[in-house]
Amino acid sequence: MKGETVRSAALFLLLINAILISHSSIASADNRLVFGVSEYVYIEELDVRYKAKIDTGAESASINAINAKVEKGQGKKDDLVHFDLVLPDNTLKSVTLPLSKHIRIKRRASDYDEHEKDYTRRPVLELTLCVGGQSHLVEVNLADRRQFSKPMLVGSEPLTAFGALVDPSKKYLQDKSLCTKKAEAKEHDE
């Protein structure tokens, strides 16, 4: 009788453990997050969640934004970037945030003529990205991504900030609700 009770308790604990693991973020053996080739990314400052392409071949992160204009700050004030954020439902939201810097992004040869520049200059913002319940402040550039399948790209620098590994055979490994709960908790605290 005692043996059956111990076995039943062990099976119950294994079942509970399996349920807990299936409802938490996927992590590797050394507790690093494992991302699929696509993940949901919540951007805290913009209060928006995007489907993002995870691309280890890209360096930075970019979000879908158009009509970016930089306003020089007067005196010691920061330069500001005014832009239209393309939301997941393709509507626009006017946003103004401090400019962190500009970066040059090399263009694909098929995207420009011989007499044009082989790079584009993009404004960069510092934004807090949340994936799988973890948040990190990273640099994100503004790009018109309307022609791409995903409105956001996450490259190697943000992946390094998350300490993430990438499993190219999977998609959406991280629980998107963990960032929603974090955002809701922040709203309740205020």
C-alpha atoms as a PDB file:
ATOM      1  CA  MET A   1       0.000   0.000   0.000  1.00  0.00           C
ATOM      2  CA  LYS A   2       2.836   2.414   0.878  1.00  0.00           C
ATOM      3  CA  GLY A   3       4.563   1.667  -2.440  1.00  0.00           C
ATOM      4  CA  GLU A   4       1.419   2.513  -4.395  1.00  0.00           C
ATOM      5  CA  THR A   5       0.985   5.754  -2.448  1.00  0.00           C
ATOM      6  CA  VAL A   6       4.590   6.777  -3.142  1.00  0.00           C
ATOM      7  CA  ARG A   7       4.207   5.929  -6.855  1.00  0.00           C
ATOM      8  CA  SER A   8       0.916   7.820  -7.045  1.00  0.00           C
ATOM      9  CA  ALA A   9       2.481  10.845  -5.351  1.00  0.00           C
ATOM     10  CA  ALA A  10       5.469  10.699  -7.714  1.00  0.00           C
ATOM     11  CA  LEU A  11       3.211  10.497 -10.783  1.00  0.00           C
ATOM     12  CA  PHE A  12       1.119  13.384  -9.451  1.00  0.00           C
ATOM     13  CA  LEU A  13       4.254  15.524  -8.961  1.00  0.00           C
ATOM     14  CA  LEU A  14       5.472  14.673 -12.470  1.00  0.00           C
ATOM     15  CA  LEU A  15       2.091  15.665 -13.886  1.00  0.00           C
ATOM     16  CA  ILE A  16       2.097  18.976 -11.991  1.00  0.00           C
ATOM     17  CA  ASN A  17       5.682  19.646 -13.148  1.00  0.00           C
ATOM     18  CA  ALA A  18       4.724  18.974 -16.789  1.00  0.00           C
ATOM     19  CA  ILE A  19       1.774  21.357 -16.512  1.00  0.00           C
ATOM     20  CA  LEU A  20       3.930  24.095 -14.976  1.00  0.00           C
ATOM     21  CA  ILE A  21       6.603  23.712 -17.635  1.00  0.00           C
ATOM     22  CA  SER A  22       4.055  23.852 -20.455  1.00  0.00           C
ATOM     23  CA  HIS A  23       2.656  27.132 -19.083  1.00  0.00           C
ATOM     24  CA  SER A  24       5.974  28.881 -18.554  1.00  0.00           C
ATOM     25  CA  SER A  25       8.508  30.307 -20.961  1.00  0.00           C
ATOM     26  CA  ILE A  26      10.767  27.843 -22.716  1.00  0.00           C
ATOM     27  CA  ALA A  27      14.296  27.958 -21.310  1.00  0.00           C
ATOM     28  CA  SER A  28      17.451  25.991 -22.036  1.00  0.00           C
ATOM     29  CA  ALA A  29      19.248  23.785 -19.530  1.00  0.00           C
ATOM     30  CA  ASP A  30      21.291  26.795 -18.353  1.00  0.00           C
ATOM     31  CA  ASN A  31      18.059  28.864 -17.922  1.00  0.00           C
ATOM     32  CA  ARG A  32      18.576  31.014 -21.020  1.00  0.00           C
ATOM     33  CA  LEU A  33      15.446  31.825 -22.981  1.00  0.00           C
ATOM     34  CA  VAL A  34      15.008  29.907 -26.215  1.00  0.00           C
ATOM     35  CA  PHE A  35      13.313  31.879 -28.976  1.00  0.00           C
ATOM     36  CA  GLY A  36      11.759  30.461 -32.109  1.00  0.00           C
ATOM     37  CA  VAL A  37      12.204  32.145 -35.510  1.00  0.00           C
ATOM     38  CA  SER A  38       9.096  34.203 -34.668  1.00  0.00           C
ATOM     39  CA  GLU A  39       8.134  35.583 -31.252  1.00  0.00           C
ATOM     40  CA  TYR A  40       5.659  38.063 -29.807  1.00  0.00           C
ATOM     41  CA  VAL A  41       7.445  41.199 -28.558  1.00  0.00           C
ATOM     42  CA  TYR A  42       5.742  43.750 -26.319  1.00  0.00           C
ATOM     43  CA  ILE A  43       7.219  47.283 -26.452  1.00  0.00           C
ATOM     44  CA  GLU A  44       6.542  48.932 -23.116  1.00  0.00           C
ATOM     45  CA  GLU A  45       6.971  52.599 -24.128  1.00  0.00           C
ATOM     46  CA  LEU A  46       4.630  52.194 -27.109  1.00  0.00           C
ATOM     47  CA  ASP A  47       2.163  49.819 -25.400  1.00  0.00           C
ATOM     48  CA  VAL A  48       2.068  47.588 -28.474  1.00  0.00           C
ATOM     49  CA  ARG A  49       2.779  43.927 -29.176  1.00  0.00           C
ATOM     50  CA  TYR A  50       4.213  42.811 -32.517  1.00  0.00           C
ATOM     51  CA  LYS A  51       4.902  39.511 -34.184  1.00  0.00           C
ATOM     52  CA  ALA A  52       8.655  39.690 -34.704  1.00  0.00           C
ATOM     53  CA  LYS A  53      11.080  37.893 -36.963  1.00  0.00           C
ATOM     54  CA  ILE A  54      14.050  36.632 -34.949  1.00  0.00           C
ATOM     55  CA  ASP A  55      17.087  37.030 -37.211  1.00  0.00           C
ATOM     56  CA  THR A  56      20.570  36.209 -35.937  1.00  0.00           C
ATOM     57  CA  GLY A  57      21.991  37.517 -39.236  1.00  0.00           C
ATOM     58  CA  ALA A  58      20.778  41.042 -38.491  1.00  0.00           C
ATOM     59  CA  GLU A  59      22.522  43.146 -35.859  1.00  0.00           C
ATOM     60  CA  SER A  60      19.820  45.429 -34.526  1.00  0.00           C
ATOM     61  CA  ALA A  61      16.078  45.550 -33.979  1.00  0.00           C
ATOM     62  CA  SER A  62      13.663  47.518 -36.130  1.00  0.00           C
ATOM     63  CA  ILE A  63       9.978  48.355 -35.914  1.00  0.00           C
ATOM     64  CA  ASN A  64       7.436  49.324 -38.538  1.00  0.00           C
ATOM     65  CA  ALA A  65       7.341  53.134 -38.648  1.00  0.00           C
ATOM     66  CA  ILE A  66       6.939  55.713 -41.396  1.00  0.00           C
ATOM     67  CA  ASN A  67       7.276  59.485 -41.833  1.00  0.00           C
ATOM     68  CA  ALA A  68      10.123  59.830 -39.327  1.00  0.00           C
ATOM     69  CA  LYS A  69      11.317  63.390 -38.800  1.00  0.00           C
ATOM     70  CA  VAL A  70      13.989  64.539 -36.359  1.00  0.00           C
ATOM     71  CA  GLU A  71      13.529  67.772 -34.428  1.00  0.00           C
ATOM     72  CA  LYS A  72      16.759  69.247 -33.057  1.00  0.00           C
ATOM     73  CA  GLY A  73      16.601  69.922 -29.331  1.00  0.00           C
ATOM     74  CA  GLN A  74      17.204  73.499 -28.193  1.00  0.00           C
ATOM     75  CA  GLY A  75      20.114  73.991 -25.800  1.00  0.00           C
ATOM     76  CA  LYS A  76      20.569  70.895 -23.644  1.00  0.00           C
ATOM     77  CA  LYS A  77      17.256  69.316 -24.687  1.00  0.00           C
ATOM     78  CA  ASP A  78      17.325  65.970 -26.489  1.00  0.00           C
ATOM     79  CA  ASP A  79      16.628  65.682 -30.193  1.00  0.00           C
ATOM     80  CA  LEU A  80      13.162  64.229 -30.759  1.00  0.00           C
ATOM     81  CA  VAL A  81      11.850  61.848 -33.402  1.00  0.00           C
ATOM     82  CA  HIS A  82       8.296  62.327 -34.628  1.00  0.00           C
ATOM     83  CA  PHE A  83       6.958  59.312 -36.539  1.00  0.00           C
ATOM     84  CA  ASP A  84       3.885  57.308 -37.401  1.00  0.00           C
ATOM     85  CA  LEU A  85       3.975  53.874 -35.828  1.00  0.00           C
ATOM     86  CA  VAL A  86       2.290  51.263 -38.028  1.00  0.00           C
ATOM     87  CA  LEU A  87       0.200  49.237 -35.585  1.00  0.00           C
ATOM     88  CA  PRO A  88      -0.534  45.506 -36.035  1.00  0.00           C
ATOM     89  CA  ASP A  89      -3.954  46.335 -37.553  1.00  0.00           C
ATOM     90  CA  ASN A  90      -2.171  48.671 -40.064  1.00  0.00           C
ATOM     91  CA  THR A  91      -3.557  51.861 -38.508  1.00  0.00           C
ATOM     92  CA  LEU A  92      -1.136  54.662 -37.647  1.00  0.00           C
ATOM     93  CA  LYS A  93      -0.314  56.106 -34.232  1.00  0.00           C
ATOM     94  CA  SER A  94       1.619  59.400 -34.041  1.00  0.00           C
ATOM     95  CA  VAL A  95       4.525  59.104 -31.622  1.00  0.00           C
ATOM     96  CA  THR A  96       7.289  61.423 -30.400  1.00  0.00           C
ATOM     97  CA  LEU A  97      10.268  60.004 -28.496  1.00  0.00           C
ATOM     98  CA  PRO A  98      13.875  61.058 -27.778  1.00  0.00           C
ATOM     99  CA  LEU A  99      16.409  60.206 -30.486  1.00  0.00           C
ATOM    100  CA  SER A 100      19.230  57.975 -29.278  1.00  0.00           C
ATOM    101  CA  LYS A 101      21.338  58.170 -32.464  1.00  0.00           C
ATOM    102  CA  HIS A 102      21.297  57.415 -36.186  1.00  0.00           C
ATOM    103  CA  ILE A 103      22.644  54.230 -37.772  1.00  0.00           C
ATOM    104  CA  ARG A 104      23.527  53.227 -41.305  1.00  0.00           C
ATOM    105  CA  ILE A 105      21.880  50.066 -42.601  1.00  0.00           C
ATOM    106  CA  LYS A 106      23.344  48.454 -45.721  1.00  0.00           C
ATOM    107  CA  ARG A 107      20.740  48.067 -48.446  1.00  0.00           C
ATOM    108  CA  ARG A 108      20.296  44.966 -50.574  1.00  0.00           C
ATOM    109  CA  ALA A 109      21.688  45.442 -54.079  1.00  0.00           C
ATOM    110  CA  SER A 110      18.235  44.837 -55.564  1.00  0.00           C
ATOM    111  CA  ASP A 111      16.813  47.776 -53.556  1.00  0.00           C
ATOM    112  CA  TYR A 112      18.794  50.609 -55.181  1.00  0.00           C
ATOM    113  CA  ASP A 113      20.121  51.837 -58.523  1.00  0.00           C
ATOM    114  CA  GLU A 114      23.833  52.349 -59.324  1.00  0.00           C
ATOM    115  CA  HIS A 115      23.675  56.111 -58.710  1.00  0.00           C
ATOM    116  CA  GLU A 116      21.998  55.734 -55.271  1.00  0.00           C
ATOM    117  CA  LYS A 117      23.602  55.167 -51.863  1.00  0.00           C
ATOM    118  CA  ASP A 118      24.093  51.557 -50.797  1.00  0.00           C
ATOM    119  CA  TYR A 119      22.845  52.319 -47.268  1.00  0.00           C
ATOM    120  CA  THR A 120      19.972  54.030 -45.508  1.00  0.00           C
ATOM    121  CA  ARG A 121      20.266  56.246 -42.458  1.00  0.00           C
ATOM    122  CA  ARG A 122      17.712  55.429 -39.756  1.00  0.00           C
ATOM    123  CA  PRO A 123      16.788  57.035 -36.438  1.00  0.00           C
ATOM    124  CA  VAL A 124      17.334  54.861 -33.366  1.00  0.00           C
ATOM    125  CA  LEU A 125      15.330  54.859 -30.125  1.00  0.00           C
ATOM    126  CA  GLU A 126      15.971  53.153 -26.810  1.00  0.00           C
ATOM    127  CA  LEU A 127      12.939  50.988 -26.094  1.00  0.00           C
ATOM    128  CA  THR A 128      12.074  48.340 -23.526  1.00  0.00           C
ATOM    129  CA  LEU A 129      11.245  45.035 -25.195  1.00  0.00           C
ATOM    130  CA  CYS A 130       9.468  42.287 -23.274  1.00  0.00           C
ATOM    131  CA  VAL A 131       9.585  38.656 -24.407  1.00  0.00           C
ATOM    132  CA  GLY A 132       8.658  35.674 -22.229  1.00  0.00           C
ATOM    133  CA  GLY A 133       8.283  37.874 -19.150  1.00  0.00           C
ATOM    134  CA  GLN A 134      11.779  39.363 -19.440  1.00  0.00           C
ATOM    135  CA  SER A 135      12.312  43.033 -20.281  1.00  0.00           C
ATOM    136  CA  HIS A 136      15.441  44.693 -21.635  1.00  0.00           C
ATOM    137  CA  LEU A 137      16.210  48.217 -22.814  1.00  0.00           C
ATOM    138  CA  VAL A 138      17.624  47.941 -26.343  1.00  0.00           C
ATOM    139  CA  GLU A 139      18.235  50.123 -29.373  1.00  0.00           C
ATOM    140  CA  VAL A 140      15.522  49.893 -32.031  1.00  0.00           C
ATOM    141  CA  ASN A 141      15.635  51.605 -35.423  1.00  0.00           C
ATOM    142  CA  LEU A 142      12.645  52.877 -37.355  1.00  0.00           C
ATOM    143  CA  ALA A 143      12.002  51.301 -40.765  1.00  0.00           C
ATOM    144  CA  ASP A 144       9.144  50.955 -43.189  1.00  0.00           C
ATOM    145  CA  ARG A 145       8.482  47.218 -42.815  1.00  0.00           C
ATOM    146  CA  ARG A 146       5.066  47.184 -44.483  1.00  0.00           C
ATOM    147  CA  GLN A 147       6.365  44.994 -47.321  1.00  0.00           C
ATOM    148  CA  PHE A 148       7.740  42.363 -44.908  1.00  0.00           C
ATOM    149  CA  SER A 149       5.827  39.478 -43.334  1.00  0.00           C
ATOM    150  CA  LYS A 150       6.586  40.664 -39.781  1.00  0.00           C
ATOM    151  CA  PRO A 151       6.345  44.293 -38.599  1.00  0.00           C
ATOM    152  CA  MET A 152       9.342  43.876 -36.288  1.00  0.00           C
ATOM    153  CA  LEU A 153      12.813  42.380 -36.599  1.00  0.00           C
ATOM    154  CA  VAL A 154      14.957  41.340 -33.629  1.00  0.00           C
ATOM    155  CA  GLY A 155      18.649  40.879 -34.419  1.00  0.00           C
ATOM    156  CA  SER A 156      21.736  39.657 -32.591  1.00  0.00           C
ATOM    157  CA  GLU A 157      22.300  42.672 -30.309  1.00  0.00           C
ATOM    158  CA  PRO A 158      18.863  42.458 -28.629  1.00  0.00           C
ATOM    159  CA  LEU A 159      19.153  38.651 -28.541  1.00  0.00           C
ATOM    160  CA  THR A 160      22.431  39.078 -26.653  1.00  0.00           C
ATOM    161  CA  ALA A 161      20.724  41.473 -24.197  1.00  0.00           C
ATOM    162  CA  PHE A 162      18.133  38.746 -23.513  1.00  0.00           C
ATOM    163  CA  GLY A 163      20.840  36.072 -23.341  1.00  0.00           C
ATOM    164  CA  ALA A 164      18.600  34.142 -25.734  1.00  0.00           C
ATOM    165  CA  LEU A 165      19.243  31.103 -27.858  1.00  0.00           C
ATOM    166  CA  VAL A 166      17.331  30.555 -31.108  1.00  0.00           C
ATOM    167  CA  ASP A 167      15.747  27.296 -32.255  1.00  0.00           C
ATOM    168  CA  PRO A 168      15.165  27.799 -36.006  1.00  0.00           C
ATOM    169  CA  SER A 169      12.810  24.809 -36.170  1.00  0.00           C
ATOM    170  CA  LYS A 170      10.232  26.428 -33.836  1.00  0.00           C
ATOM    171  CA  LYS A 171       7.958  29.473 -33.677  1.00  0.00           C
ATOM    172  CA  TYR A 172       6.441  31.366 -30.742  1.00  0.00           C
ATOM    173  CA  LEU A 173       8.111  29.442 -27.920  1.00  0.00           C
ATOM    174  CA  GLN A 174       7.709  32.257 -25.382  1.00  0.00           C
ATOM    175  CA  ASP A 175       4.433  32.873 -23.555  1.00  0.00           C
ATOM    176  CA  LYS A 176       3.147  36.256 -24.759  1.00  0.00           C
ATOM    177  CA  SER A 177       0.779  36.578 -21.792  1.00  0.00           C
ATOM    178  CA  LEU A 178       3.745  36.989 -19.403  1.00  0.00           C
ATOM    179  CA  CYS A 179       4.415  40.453 -20.830  1.00  0.00           C
ATOM    180  CA  THR A 180       0.720  41.350 -20.853  1.00  0.00           C
ATOM    181  CA  LYS A 181       0.480  40.490 -17.154  1.00  0.00           C
ATOM    182  CA  LYS A 182       3.513  42.663 -16.516  1.00  0.00           C
ATOM    183  CA  ALA A 183       1.901  45.571 -18.380  1.00  0.00           C
ATOM    184  CA  GLU A 184      -1.404  45.082 -16.545  1.00  0.00           C
ATOM    185  CA  ALA A 185       0.389  44.932 -13.180  1.00  0.00           C
ATOM    186  CA  LYS A 186       2.148  48.224 -14.004  1.00  0.00           C
ATOM    187  CA  GLU A 187      -1.214  49.824 -14.787  1.00  0.00           C
ATOM    188  CA  HIS A 188      -2.656  48.657 -11.448  1.00  0.00           C
ATOM    189  CA  ASP A 189       0.364  50.023  -9.543  1.00  0.00           C
ATOM    190  CA  GLU A 190      -0.136  53.552 -10.862  1.00  0.00           C
END
